[in-house]
Amino acid sequence: MKKTLLMGTVLLIASGQAWADAASDLKQKLAAVNLFSARFQQTVYDSKGKELQKASGDLLVSRPNRFNWHTQRPDESLIVADGKDVWIYDPFVEQVTALKLQDAVVNTPFILIASGDDKYWKHYDVVRQGNVFTVTSRNQDELIASFRVSFDRQDNIDRFDVKEAQGQWSEFTLTSFNRKPALKGSEFVFKMPKGAQLDDQR
């Protein structure tokens, strides 16, 4: 009985250490890419693996908490995080939704890529397999079940996958990864388009 308890304790400690190492490794890799731009290709699948949709666009991230996510095909949309708020613009319906950053990202571990705040990490478990990190929420009520991010040999982010609690998932492949994009200074500032309606949920 004592031997069983001892083994259980050893495994628990080892498991905790493995999580800590994986989380620490992921933090370090993300901290090394505080600024980057990339092209993205997104493929959405249903719970049975059937392809539902493809999309593509440009992504620009400046840690902490700033990103510009511009989907261009098949339908245009824009998401801008300015460090405090998140602005979601749908040109088709001419509507802008404004959210507090903490409310907009509560249901997705993507905040771990965009944020350098350690407080978010306590809500997730991290497992590493080579250069692939799987981040799983400890909150069973979240919309996102898991988030997986992978790095290439140059430690650039080359892919991330998002799996929803209902089984649907999205795969994002990044290309043209650039750690030194030229910035104009307005990439993370959202300006209301003329004629658009604002749904302010802040």
N, C-alpha and C. Protein backbone atom coordinates (compact mmCIF):
# COMPACT_ATOMS: atom_id res chain seq x y z
N MET A 1 0.84 -1.21 0.00
CA MET A 1 0.00 0.00 0.00
C MET A 1 0.87 1.25 0.00
N LYS A 2 1.91 1.25 0.86
CA LYS A 2 2.81 2.39 0.93
C LYS A 2 3.54 2.58 -0.39
N LYS A 3 3.92 1.43 -1.01
CA LYS A 3 4.63 1.49 -2.28
C LYS A 3 3.74 2.09 -3.37
N THR A 4 2.44 1.72 -3.35
CA THR A 4 1.49 2.25 -4.33
C THR A 4 1.32 3.76 -4.16
N LEU A 5 1.19 4.18 -2.90
CA LEU A 5 1.05 5.61 -2.62
C LEU A 5 2.29 6.37 -3.05
N LEU A 6 3.46 5.78 -2.81
CA LEU A 6 4.71 6.43 -3.17
C LEU A 6 4.81 6.60 -4.68
N MET A 7 4.45 5.54 -5.43
CA MET A 7 4.49 5.61 -6.89
C MET A 7 3.53 6.65 -7.41
N GLY A 8 2.33 6.69 -6.79
CA GLY A 8 1.34 7.67 -7.20
C GLY A 8 1.84 9.09 -6.98
N THR A 9 2.51 9.31 -5.86
CA THR A 9 3.05 10.63 -5.55
C THR A 9 4.14 11.02 -6.53
N VAL A 10 5.02 10.05 -6.86
CA VAL A 10 6.10 10.30 -7.81
C VAL A 10 5.53 10.67 -9.19
N LEU A 11 4.50 9.92 -9.63
CA LEU A 11 3.88 10.19 -10.93
C LEU A 11 3.22 11.55 -10.95
N LEU A 12 2.58 11.92 -9.84
CA LEU A 12 1.92 13.22 -9.74
C LEU A 12 2.93 14.35 -9.83
N ILE A 13 4.04 14.19 -9.11
CA ILE A 13 5.09 15.21 -9.14
C ILE A 13 5.69 15.30 -10.54
N ALA A 14 5.95 14.13 -11.15
CA ALA A 14 6.53 14.10 -12.50
C ALA A 14 5.60 14.75 -13.50
N SER A 15 4.29 14.49 -13.37
CA SER A 15 3.31 15.07 -14.26
C SER A 15 3.28 16.58 -14.12
N GLY A 16 3.31 17.06 -12.87
CA GLY A 16 3.31 18.49 -12.63
C GLY A 16 4.55 19.15 -13.18
N GLN A 17 5.71 18.47 -13.06
CA GLN A 17 6.95 19.00 -13.57
C GLN A 17 6.94 19.07 -15.09
N ALA A 18 6.37 18.02 -15.72
CA ALA A 18 6.28 17.99 -17.18
C ALA A 18 5.42 19.13 -17.68
N TRP A 19 4.28 19.39 -16.98
CA TRP A 19 3.42 20.51 -17.38
C TRP A 19 4.16 21.82 -17.24
N ALA A 20 4.87 21.98 -16.10
CA ALA A 20 5.58 23.23 -15.85
C ALA A 20 6.64 23.46 -16.91
N ASP A 21 7.37 22.39 -17.29
CA ASP A 21 8.40 22.51 -18.32
C ASP A 21 7.79 22.87 -19.66
N ALA A 22 6.69 22.21 -20.03
CA ALA A 22 6.03 22.46 -21.30
C ALA A 22 5.50 23.89 -21.36
N ALA A 23 4.86 24.33 -20.31
CA ALA A 23 4.33 25.69 -20.26
C ALA A 23 5.47 26.71 -20.32
N SER A 24 6.54 26.43 -19.59
CA SER A 24 7.69 27.34 -19.58
C SER A 24 8.34 27.41 -20.95
N ASP A 25 8.48 26.26 -21.61
CA ASP A 25 9.06 26.23 -22.96
C ASP A 25 8.21 27.02 -23.94
N LEU A 26 6.89 26.85 -23.85
CA LEU A 26 5.99 27.56 -24.76
C LEU A 26 6.05 29.07 -24.50
N LYS A 27 6.09 29.46 -23.23
CA LYS A 27 6.20 30.87 -22.89
C LYS A 27 7.45 31.48 -23.51
N GLN A 28 8.57 30.76 -23.41
CA GLN A 28 9.84 31.26 -23.93
C GLN A 28 9.80 31.41 -25.45
N LYS A 29 9.21 30.42 -26.12
CA LYS A 29 9.13 30.48 -27.57
C LYS A 29 8.25 31.65 -28.02
N LEU A 30 7.14 31.86 -27.32
CA LEU A 30 6.24 32.96 -27.68
C LEU A 30 6.86 34.31 -27.36
N ALA A 31 7.61 34.37 -26.25
CA ALA A 31 8.25 35.63 -25.87
C ALA A 31 9.29 36.06 -26.89
N ALA A 32 9.83 35.08 -27.64
CA ALA A 32 10.85 35.38 -28.64
C ALA A 32 10.26 35.94 -29.92
N VAL A 33 8.94 35.87 -30.05
CA VAL A 33 8.27 36.41 -31.25
C VAL A 33 7.25 37.46 -30.81
N ASN A 34 7.75 38.53 -30.20
CA ASN A 34 6.88 39.59 -29.70
C ASN A 34 6.17 40.34 -30.82
N LEU A 35 6.75 40.33 -32.00
CA LEU A 35 6.14 41.01 -33.14
C LEU A 35 6.30 40.12 -34.36
N PHE A 36 5.20 39.92 -35.08
CA PHE A 36 5.30 39.15 -36.32
C PHE A 36 4.08 39.40 -37.21
N SER A 37 4.28 39.15 -38.47
CA SER A 37 3.19 39.17 -39.44
C SER A 37 3.23 37.86 -40.21
N ALA A 38 2.12 37.47 -40.79
CA ALA A 38 2.06 36.22 -41.55
C ALA A 38 0.79 36.20 -42.39
N ARG A 39 0.83 35.38 -43.42
CA ARG A 39 -0.38 35.03 -44.16
C ARG A 39 -0.97 33.80 -43.51
N PHE A 40 -2.29 33.69 -43.47
CA PHE A 40 -2.88 32.49 -42.90
C PHE A 40 -3.88 31.86 -43.87
N GLN A 41 -3.92 30.54 -43.82
CA GLN A 41 -4.92 29.75 -44.53
C GLN A 41 -5.70 28.97 -43.47
N GLN A 42 -6.99 29.11 -43.44
CA GLN A 42 -7.83 28.45 -42.45
C GLN A 42 -8.74 27.43 -43.11
N THR A 43 -8.82 26.25 -42.50
CA THR A 43 -9.75 25.22 -42.95
C THR A 43 -10.59 24.80 -41.75
N VAL A 44 -11.90 24.82 -41.93
CA VAL A 44 -12.83 24.48 -40.85
C VAL A 44 -13.44 23.11 -41.13
N TYR A 45 -13.47 22.25 -40.11
CA TYR A 45 -14.04 20.91 -40.23
C TYR A 45 -15.15 20.71 -39.20
N ASP A 46 -16.13 19.85 -39.55
CA ASP A 46 -17.14 19.51 -38.55
C ASP A 46 -16.60 18.39 -37.65
N SER A 47 -17.41 17.95 -36.70
CA SER A 47 -16.97 16.97 -35.72
C SER A 47 -16.61 15.62 -36.33
N LYS A 48 -17.07 15.37 -37.57
CA LYS A 48 -16.78 14.10 -38.23
C LYS A 48 -15.62 14.22 -39.23
N GLY A 49 -15.03 15.40 -39.30
CA GLY A 49 -13.88 15.59 -40.18
C GLY A 49 -14.23 16.08 -41.57
N LYS A 50 -15.48 16.42 -41.81
CA LYS A 50 -15.89 16.93 -43.12
C LYS A 50 -15.52 18.40 -43.23
N GLU A 51 -14.89 18.76 -44.35
CA GLU A 51 -14.49 20.14 -44.56
C GLU A 51 -15.72 21.02 -44.79
N LEU A 52 -15.79 22.12 -44.02
CA LEU A 52 -16.92 23.03 -44.12
C LEU A 52 -16.59 24.30 -44.87
N GLN A 53 -15.38 24.82 -44.67
CA GLN A 53 -15.06 26.12 -45.26
C GLN A 53 -13.56 26.36 -45.27
N LYS A 54 -13.12 27.17 -46.22
CA LYS A 54 -11.74 27.64 -46.26
C LYS A 54 -11.74 29.17 -46.23
N ALA A 55 -10.73 29.72 -45.63
CA ALA A 55 -10.61 31.17 -45.57
C ALA A 55 -9.12 31.52 -45.59
N SER A 56 -8.82 32.78 -45.91
CA SER A 56 -7.42 33.22 -45.93
C SER A 56 -7.35 34.71 -45.65
N GLY A 57 -6.17 35.14 -45.23
CA GLY A 57 -5.99 36.56 -44.95
C GLY A 57 -4.63 36.84 -44.34
N ASP A 58 -4.53 37.95 -43.64
CA ASP A 58 -3.27 38.41 -43.04
C ASP A 58 -3.43 38.56 -41.54
N LEU A 59 -2.34 38.26 -40.83
CA LEU A 59 -2.32 38.34 -39.38
C LEU A 59 -1.11 39.14 -38.94
N LEU A 60 -1.31 40.08 -38.02
CA LEU A 60 -0.23 40.88 -37.46
C LEU A 60 -0.39 40.88 -35.95
N VAL A 61 0.66 40.50 -35.23
CA VAL A 61 0.61 40.42 -33.77
C VAL A 61 1.75 41.21 -33.16
N SER A 62 1.43 42.01 -32.14
CA SER A 62 2.43 42.72 -31.36
C SER A 62 2.11 42.48 -29.89
N ARG A 63 2.92 41.63 -29.27
CA ARG A 63 2.69 41.33 -27.86
C ARG A 63 3.16 42.51 -27.01
N PRO A 64 2.41 42.88 -25.93
CA PRO A 64 1.22 42.17 -25.47
C PRO A 64 -0.09 42.77 -25.97
N ASN A 65 -1.02 41.88 -26.28
CA ASN A 65 -2.45 42.19 -26.45
C ASN A 65 -2.82 43.06 -27.65
N ARG A 66 -1.98 43.05 -28.67
CA ARG A 66 -2.33 43.80 -29.86
C ARG A 66 -2.25 42.88 -31.07
N PHE A 67 -3.32 42.85 -31.84
CA PHE A 67 -3.27 42.09 -33.08
C PHE A 67 -4.27 42.64 -34.09
N ASN A 68 -3.98 42.35 -35.34
CA ASN A 68 -4.81 42.77 -36.46
C ASN A 68 -5.04 41.54 -37.32
N TRP A 69 -6.27 41.06 -37.34
CA TRP A 69 -6.62 39.81 -38.02
C TRP A 69 -7.56 40.17 -39.17
N HIS A 70 -7.04 40.11 -40.40
CA HIS A 70 -7.81 40.55 -41.56
C HIS A 70 -8.11 39.36 -42.47
N THR A 71 -9.33 38.87 -42.42
CA THR A 71 -9.76 37.80 -43.32
C THR A 71 -10.21 38.44 -44.62
N GLN A 72 -9.69 37.93 -45.73
CA GLN A 72 -9.98 38.54 -47.04
C GLN A 72 -10.87 37.65 -47.90
N ARG A 73 -10.74 36.33 -47.76
CA ARG A 73 -11.54 35.39 -48.54
C ARG A 73 -12.06 34.28 -47.64
N PRO A 74 -13.28 33.76 -47.90
CA PRO A 74 -14.20 34.15 -48.98
C PRO A 74 -14.98 35.43 -48.69
N ASP A 75 -15.09 35.80 -47.41
CA ASP A 75 -15.77 37.03 -47.02
C ASP A 75 -14.82 37.86 -46.15
N GLU A 76 -14.85 39.14 -46.35
CA GLU A 76 -13.95 40.02 -45.61
C GLU A 76 -14.46 40.27 -44.20
N SER A 77 -13.54 40.29 -43.24
CA SER A 77 -13.83 40.69 -41.87
C SER A 77 -12.53 41.18 -41.25
N LEU A 78 -12.66 41.96 -40.20
CA LEU A 78 -11.48 42.53 -39.56
C LEU A 78 -11.64 42.49 -38.05
N ILE A 79 -10.61 42.02 -37.36
CA ILE A 79 -10.58 42.02 -35.90
C ILE A 79 -9.32 42.76 -35.47
N VAL A 80 -9.50 43.80 -34.67
CA VAL A 80 -8.37 44.59 -34.21
C VAL A 80 -8.40 44.66 -32.68
N ALA A 81 -7.29 44.28 -32.06
CA ALA A 81 -7.14 44.42 -30.62
C ALA A 81 -6.10 45.50 -30.37
N ASP A 82 -6.49 46.53 -29.60
CA ASP A 82 -5.60 47.67 -29.40
C ASP A 82 -4.89 47.65 -28.05
N GLY A 83 -4.99 46.51 -27.34
CA GLY A 83 -4.36 46.40 -26.03
C GLY A 83 -5.35 46.51 -24.90
N LYS A 84 -6.51 47.07 -25.19
CA LYS A 84 -7.56 47.25 -24.19
C LYS A 84 -8.89 46.69 -24.66
N ASP A 85 -9.24 47.00 -25.89
CA ASP A 85 -10.51 46.57 -26.47
C ASP A 85 -10.29 45.78 -27.76
N VAL A 86 -11.31 45.03 -28.15
CA VAL A 86 -11.29 44.29 -29.39
C VAL A 86 -12.44 44.79 -30.26
N TRP A 87 -12.12 45.09 -31.52
CA TRP A 87 -13.09 45.60 -32.47
C TRP A 87 -13.28 44.59 -33.59
N ILE A 88 -14.53 44.18 -33.82
CA ILE A 88 -14.84 43.18 -34.84
C ILE A 88 -15.73 43.83 -35.89
N TYR A 89 -15.22 43.90 -37.11
CA TYR A 89 -15.94 44.60 -38.18
C TYR A 89 -16.36 43.62 -39.27
N ASP A 90 -17.65 43.63 -39.58
CA ASP A 90 -18.21 42.81 -40.66
C ASP A 90 -18.72 43.77 -41.74
N PRO A 91 -17.96 43.95 -42.82
CA PRO A 91 -18.36 44.89 -43.86
C PRO A 91 -19.67 44.52 -44.54
N PHE A 92 -20.00 43.22 -44.61
CA PHE A 92 -21.21 42.79 -45.31
C PHE A 92 -22.46 43.36 -44.66
N VAL A 93 -22.50 43.35 -43.32
CA VAL A 93 -23.67 43.89 -42.61
C VAL A 93 -23.39 45.30 -42.08
N GLU A 94 -22.18 45.80 -42.35
CA GLU A 94 -21.77 47.14 -41.91
C GLU A 94 -21.98 47.31 -40.40
N GLN A 95 -21.44 46.37 -39.64
CA GLN A 95 -21.57 46.42 -38.19
C GLN A 95 -20.23 46.21 -37.50
N VAL A 96 -20.01 46.97 -36.45
CA VAL A 96 -18.81 46.85 -35.62
C VAL A 96 -19.23 46.44 -34.22
N THR A 97 -18.60 45.41 -33.69
CA THR A 97 -18.83 44.98 -32.31
C THR A 97 -17.59 45.30 -31.49
N ALA A 98 -17.79 45.99 -30.37
CA ALA A 98 -16.67 46.35 -29.50
C ALA A 98 -16.78 45.56 -28.19
N LEU A 99 -15.68 44.92 -27.80
CA LEU A 99 -15.64 44.12 -26.58
C LEU A 99 -14.41 44.49 -25.77
N LYS A 100 -14.49 44.32 -24.46
CA LYS A 100 -13.28 44.42 -23.64
C LYS A 100 -12.38 43.24 -23.98
N LEU A 101 -11.10 43.47 -23.99
CA LEU A 101 -10.16 42.42 -24.36
C LEU A 101 -10.36 41.17 -23.51
N GLN A 102 -10.51 41.34 -22.22
CA GLN A 102 -10.65 40.18 -21.33
C GLN A 102 -11.92 39.40 -21.61
N ASP A 103 -12.96 40.06 -22.10
CA ASP A 103 -14.20 39.36 -22.45
C ASP A 103 -14.08 38.67 -23.80
N ALA A 104 -13.37 39.28 -24.72
CA ALA A 104 -13.27 38.73 -26.07
C ALA A 104 -12.43 37.47 -26.11
N VAL A 105 -11.45 37.36 -25.22
CA VAL A 105 -10.52 36.24 -25.29
C VAL A 105 -10.76 35.19 -24.22
N VAL A 106 -11.80 35.36 -23.39
CA VAL A 106 -12.02 34.43 -22.30
C VAL A 106 -12.28 33.02 -22.79
N ASN A 107 -12.78 32.87 -24.00
CA ASN A 107 -13.11 31.55 -24.52
C ASN A 107 -12.11 31.02 -25.55
N THR A 108 -10.92 31.56 -25.58
CA THR A 108 -9.93 31.02 -26.51
C THR A 108 -8.51 31.19 -25.99
N PRO A 109 -7.72 30.13 -26.02
CA PRO A 109 -6.32 30.22 -25.61
C PRO A 109 -5.45 31.03 -26.57
N PHE A 110 -6.04 31.59 -27.64
CA PHE A 110 -5.26 32.44 -28.55
C PHE A 110 -4.63 33.59 -27.78
N ILE A 111 -5.22 33.96 -26.64
CA ILE A 111 -4.67 35.03 -25.82
C ILE A 111 -3.23 34.72 -25.41
N LEU A 112 -2.89 33.43 -25.34
CA LEU A 112 -1.54 33.06 -24.94
C LEU A 112 -0.51 33.47 -25.99
N ILE A 113 -0.92 33.53 -27.25
CA ILE A 113 -0.02 34.00 -28.31
C ILE A 113 0.11 35.52 -28.25
N ALA A 114 -1.00 36.20 -28.02
CA ALA A 114 -1.00 37.66 -28.08
C ALA A 114 -0.63 38.33 -26.76
N SER A 115 -0.73 37.62 -25.65
CA SER A 115 -0.51 38.24 -24.34
C SER A 115 0.75 37.71 -23.66
N GLY A 116 1.37 38.56 -22.87
CA GLY A 116 2.52 38.13 -22.08
C GLY A 116 2.19 38.04 -20.61
N ASP A 117 0.91 38.06 -20.29
CA ASP A 117 0.46 38.06 -18.89
C ASP A 117 0.37 36.64 -18.34
N ASP A 118 1.10 36.36 -17.28
CA ASP A 118 1.12 35.02 -16.70
C ASP A 118 -0.22 34.59 -16.11
N LYS A 119 -1.09 35.55 -15.80
CA LYS A 119 -2.34 35.19 -15.13
C LYS A 119 -3.22 34.29 -15.98
N TYR A 120 -3.06 34.35 -17.30
CA TYR A 120 -3.89 33.52 -18.17
C TYR A 120 -3.46 32.06 -18.16
N TRP A 121 -2.19 31.81 -17.89
CA TRP A 121 -1.67 30.46 -17.99
C TRP A 121 -2.23 29.52 -16.92
N LYS A 122 -2.64 30.05 -15.80
CA LYS A 122 -3.13 29.19 -14.72
C LYS A 122 -4.44 28.50 -15.08
N HIS A 123 -5.09 28.92 -16.15
CA HIS A 123 -6.36 28.32 -16.56
C HIS A 123 -6.18 27.17 -17.55
N TYR A 124 -4.91 26.88 -17.92
CA TYR A 124 -4.68 25.90 -18.97
C TYR A 124 -3.60 24.89 -18.60
N ASP A 125 -3.73 23.70 -19.16
CA ASP A 125 -2.69 22.68 -19.08
C ASP A 125 -1.96 22.65 -20.42
N VAL A 126 -0.64 22.41 -20.37
CA VAL A 126 0.17 22.41 -21.58
C VAL A 126 0.93 21.10 -21.70
N VAL A 127 0.85 20.48 -22.87
CA VAL A 127 1.58 19.24 -23.16
C VAL A 127 2.43 19.48 -24.41
N ARG A 128 3.67 18.98 -24.37
CA ARG A 128 4.59 19.19 -25.50
C ARG A 128 4.96 17.87 -26.16
N GLN A 129 4.95 17.88 -27.50
CA GLN A 129 5.48 16.77 -28.30
C GLN A 129 6.37 17.37 -29.37
N GLY A 130 7.67 17.36 -29.13
CA GLY A 130 8.60 18.01 -30.05
C GLY A 130 8.37 19.51 -30.06
N ASN A 131 8.09 20.07 -31.23
CA ASN A 131 7.81 21.50 -31.36
C ASN A 131 6.32 21.81 -31.44
N VAL A 132 5.50 20.85 -31.00
CA VAL A 132 4.05 21.02 -30.99
C VAL A 132 3.56 21.08 -29.54
N PHE A 133 2.82 22.13 -29.22
CA PHE A 133 2.31 22.33 -27.87
C PHE A 133 0.78 22.30 -27.91
N THR A 134 0.19 21.47 -27.06
CA THR A 134 -1.26 21.40 -26.96
C THR A 134 -1.70 22.04 -25.66
N VAL A 135 -2.56 23.05 -25.77
CA VAL A 135 -3.02 23.81 -24.61
C VAL A 135 -4.49 23.48 -24.38
N THR A 136 -4.81 22.97 -23.20
CA THR A 136 -6.17 22.54 -22.89
C THR A 136 -6.71 23.33 -21.70
N SER A 137 -7.92 23.83 -21.85
CA SER A 137 -8.54 24.60 -20.78
C SER A 137 -8.96 23.70 -19.62
N ARG A 138 -8.82 24.20 -18.40
CA ARG A 138 -9.28 23.48 -17.21
C ARG A 138 -10.75 23.75 -16.94
N ASN A 139 -11.31 24.72 -17.67
CA ASN A 139 -12.71 25.07 -17.50
C ASN A 139 -13.55 24.32 -18.52
N GLN A 140 -14.33 23.37 -18.07
CA GLN A 140 -15.12 22.53 -18.98
C GLN A 140 -16.23 23.30 -19.69
N ASP A 141 -16.54 24.50 -19.20
CA ASP A 141 -17.63 25.29 -19.79
C ASP A 141 -17.17 26.18 -20.94
N GLU A 142 -15.87 26.22 -21.21
CA GLU A 142 -15.38 27.10 -22.27
C GLU A 142 -15.75 26.55 -23.64
N LEU A 143 -15.89 27.44 -24.59
CA LEU A 143 -16.27 27.06 -25.95
C LEU A 143 -15.15 26.33 -26.67
N ILE A 144 -13.91 26.65 -26.30
CA ILE A 144 -12.74 26.04 -26.93
C ILE A 144 -12.22 24.92 -26.05
N ALA A 145 -12.15 23.71 -26.59
CA ALA A 145 -11.68 22.56 -25.81
C ALA A 145 -10.17 22.52 -25.75
N SER A 146 -9.50 22.79 -26.88
CA SER A 146 -8.04 22.76 -26.89
C SER A 146 -7.50 23.63 -28.02
N PHE A 147 -6.24 23.96 -27.87
CA PHE A 147 -5.56 24.85 -28.81
C PHE A 147 -4.15 24.28 -29.00
N ARG A 148 -3.76 24.07 -30.25
CA ARG A 148 -2.45 23.48 -30.52
C ARG A 148 -1.64 24.42 -31.40
N VAL A 149 -0.41 24.68 -30.99
CA VAL A 149 0.46 25.57 -31.75
C VAL A 149 1.78 24.85 -32.03
N SER A 150 2.29 24.99 -33.25
CA SER A 150 3.55 24.33 -33.62
C SER A 150 4.53 25.35 -34.18
N PHE A 151 5.82 25.03 -34.02
CA PHE A 151 6.91 25.90 -34.45
C PHE A 151 7.79 25.16 -35.46
N ASP A 152 8.38 25.93 -36.40
CA ASP A 152 9.30 25.32 -37.34
C ASP A 152 10.71 25.31 -36.75
N ARG A 153 11.71 24.98 -37.56
CA ARG A 153 13.08 24.85 -37.06
C ARG A 153 13.69 26.19 -36.67
N GLN A 154 13.12 27.27 -37.18
CA GLN A 154 13.59 28.61 -36.81
C GLN A 154 12.79 29.18 -35.65
N ASP A 155 11.95 28.34 -35.03
CA ASP A 155 11.08 28.74 -33.92
C ASP A 155 10.06 29.79 -34.33
N ASN A 156 9.70 29.80 -35.61
CA ASN A 156 8.58 30.61 -36.06
C ASN A 156 7.30 29.80 -35.92
N ILE A 157 6.21 30.45 -35.60
CA ILE A 157 4.93 29.75 -35.53
C ILE A 157 4.50 29.41 -36.95
N ASP A 158 4.30 28.12 -37.22
CA ASP A 158 3.91 27.76 -38.59
C ASP A 158 2.50 27.20 -38.68
N ARG A 159 1.88 26.93 -37.51
CA ARG A 159 0.53 26.39 -37.54
C ARG A 159 -0.10 26.44 -36.15
N PHE A 160 -1.42 26.64 -36.12
CA PHE A 160 -2.15 26.40 -34.88
C PHE A 160 -3.55 25.90 -35.22
N ASP A 161 -4.04 25.05 -34.34
CA ASP A 161 -5.36 24.43 -34.51
C ASP A 161 -6.23 24.76 -33.31
N VAL A 162 -7.49 24.95 -33.56
CA VAL A 162 -8.46 25.24 -32.49
C VAL A 162 -9.58 24.22 -32.54
N LYS A 163 -9.79 23.53 -31.44
CA LYS A 163 -10.87 22.54 -31.36
C LYS A 163 -11.94 23.03 -30.40
N GLU A 164 -13.17 23.13 -30.91
CA GLU A 164 -14.27 23.60 -30.08
C GLU A 164 -14.85 22.46 -29.25
N ALA A 165 -15.53 22.83 -28.18
CA ALA A 165 -16.10 21.83 -27.27
C ALA A 165 -17.11 20.93 -27.97
N GLN A 166 -17.79 21.45 -29.01
CA GLN A 166 -18.79 20.68 -29.73
C GLN A 166 -18.20 19.74 -30.78
N GLY A 167 -16.87 19.79 -30.95
CA GLY A 167 -16.22 18.87 -31.88
C GLY A 167 -15.72 19.50 -33.16
N GLN A 168 -16.25 20.65 -33.55
CA GLN A 168 -15.77 21.32 -34.76
C GLN A 168 -14.37 21.87 -34.52
N TRP A 169 -13.52 21.88 -35.53
CA TRP A 169 -12.19 22.44 -35.33
C TRP A 169 -11.72 23.19 -36.57
N SER A 170 -10.74 24.07 -36.36
CA SER A 170 -10.15 24.87 -37.43
C SER A 170 -8.65 24.69 -37.44
N GLU A 171 -8.09 24.58 -38.63
CA GLU A 171 -6.65 24.49 -38.80
C GLU A 171 -6.15 25.76 -39.48
N PHE A 172 -5.13 26.38 -38.90
CA PHE A 172 -4.54 27.60 -39.46
C PHE A 172 -3.09 27.32 -39.82
N THR A 173 -2.76 27.51 -41.08
CA THR A 173 -1.39 27.36 -41.55
C THR A 173 -0.83 28.73 -41.86
N LEU A 174 0.34 29.05 -41.27
CA LEU A 174 0.94 30.35 -41.47
C LEU A 174 2.09 30.27 -42.47
N THR A 175 2.15 31.23 -43.37
CA THR A 175 3.23 31.34 -44.34
C THR A 175 3.73 32.79 -44.36
N SER A 176 4.84 33.02 -45.02
CA SER A 176 5.44 34.37 -45.10
C SER A 176 5.62 34.98 -43.72
N PHE A 177 6.07 34.15 -42.77
CA PHE A 177 6.26 34.61 -41.39
C PHE A 177 7.39 35.62 -41.34
N ASN A 178 7.11 36.79 -40.74
CA ASN A 178 8.07 37.89 -40.71
C ASN A 178 8.15 38.46 -39.30
N ARG A 179 9.33 38.36 -38.68
CA ARG A 179 9.52 38.88 -37.33
C ARG A 179 9.80 40.39 -37.31
N LYS A 180 10.04 40.98 -38.46
CA LYS A 180 10.35 42.40 -38.52
C LYS A 180 9.50 43.11 -39.58
N PRO A 181 8.17 43.04 -39.42
CA PRO A 181 7.32 43.72 -40.40
C PRO A 181 7.42 45.24 -40.26
N ALA A 182 7.31 45.93 -41.36
CA ALA A 182 7.32 47.40 -41.34
C ALA A 182 5.96 47.89 -40.86
N LEU A 183 5.95 48.70 -39.83
CA LEU A 183 4.70 49.20 -39.25
C LEU A 183 4.53 50.68 -39.54
N LYS A 184 3.30 51.08 -39.82
CA LYS A 184 2.98 52.48 -40.06
C LYS A 184 2.56 53.19 -38.78
N GLY A 185 2.17 52.41 -37.76
CA GLY A 185 1.77 52.99 -36.48
C GLY A 185 0.28 52.98 -36.23
N SER A 186 -0.49 52.61 -37.25
CA SER A 186 -1.95 52.63 -37.11
C SER A 186 -2.56 51.24 -37.22
N GLU A 187 -1.72 50.20 -37.29
CA GLU A 187 -2.24 48.85 -37.50
C GLU A 187 -3.13 48.36 -36.37
N PHE A 188 -2.90 48.85 -35.15
CA PHE A 188 -3.67 48.39 -34.00
C PHE A 188 -4.62 49.46 -33.46
N VAL A 189 -4.94 50.40 -34.34
CA VAL A 189 -5.91 51.46 -34.00
C VAL A 189 -7.11 51.28 -34.91
N PHE A 190 -8.28 51.07 -34.33
CA PHE A 190 -9.48 50.86 -35.14
C PHE A 190 -10.24 52.17 -35.31
N LYS A 191 -10.60 52.46 -36.55
CA LYS A 191 -11.41 53.64 -36.86
C LYS A 191 -12.74 53.18 -37.42
N MET A 192 -13.82 53.73 -36.88
CA MET A 192 -15.16 53.34 -37.33
C MET A 192 -15.35 53.67 -38.81
N PRO A 193 -15.68 52.66 -39.62
CA PRO A 193 -15.95 52.93 -41.04
C PRO A 193 -17.22 53.78 -41.18
N LYS A 194 -17.23 54.62 -42.17
CA LYS A 194 -18.39 55.47 -42.41
C LYS A 194 -19.61 54.62 -42.74
N GLY A 195 -20.71 54.90 -42.03
CA GLY A 195 -21.96 54.19 -42.28
C GLY A 195 -22.15 52.93 -41.46
N ALA A 196 -21.11 52.49 -40.73
CA ALA A 196 -21.22 51.27 -39.92
C ALA A 196 -21.91 51.56 -38.60
N GLN A 197 -22.65 50.57 -38.11
CA GLN A 197 -23.32 50.67 -36.82
C GLN A 197 -22.46 50.02 -35.74
N LEU A 198 -22.46 50.60 -34.54
CA LEU A 198 -21.64 50.11 -33.44
C LEU A 198 -22.50 49.36 -32.42
N ASP A 199 -22.12 48.11 -32.15
CA ASP A 199 -22.68 47.32 -31.06
C ASP A 199 -21.65 47.30 -29.94
N ASP A 200 -21.77 48.23 -29.01
CA ASP A 200 -20.77 48.40 -27.95
C ASP A 200 -21.11 47.53 -26.75
N GLN A 201 -20.36 46.46 -26.54
CA GLN A 201 -20.62 45.52 -25.44
C GLN A 201 -19.59 45.66 -24.32
N ARG A 202 -18.87 46.75 -24.29
CA ARG A 202 -17.85 46.94 -23.26
C ARG A 202 -18.48 47.34 -21.92
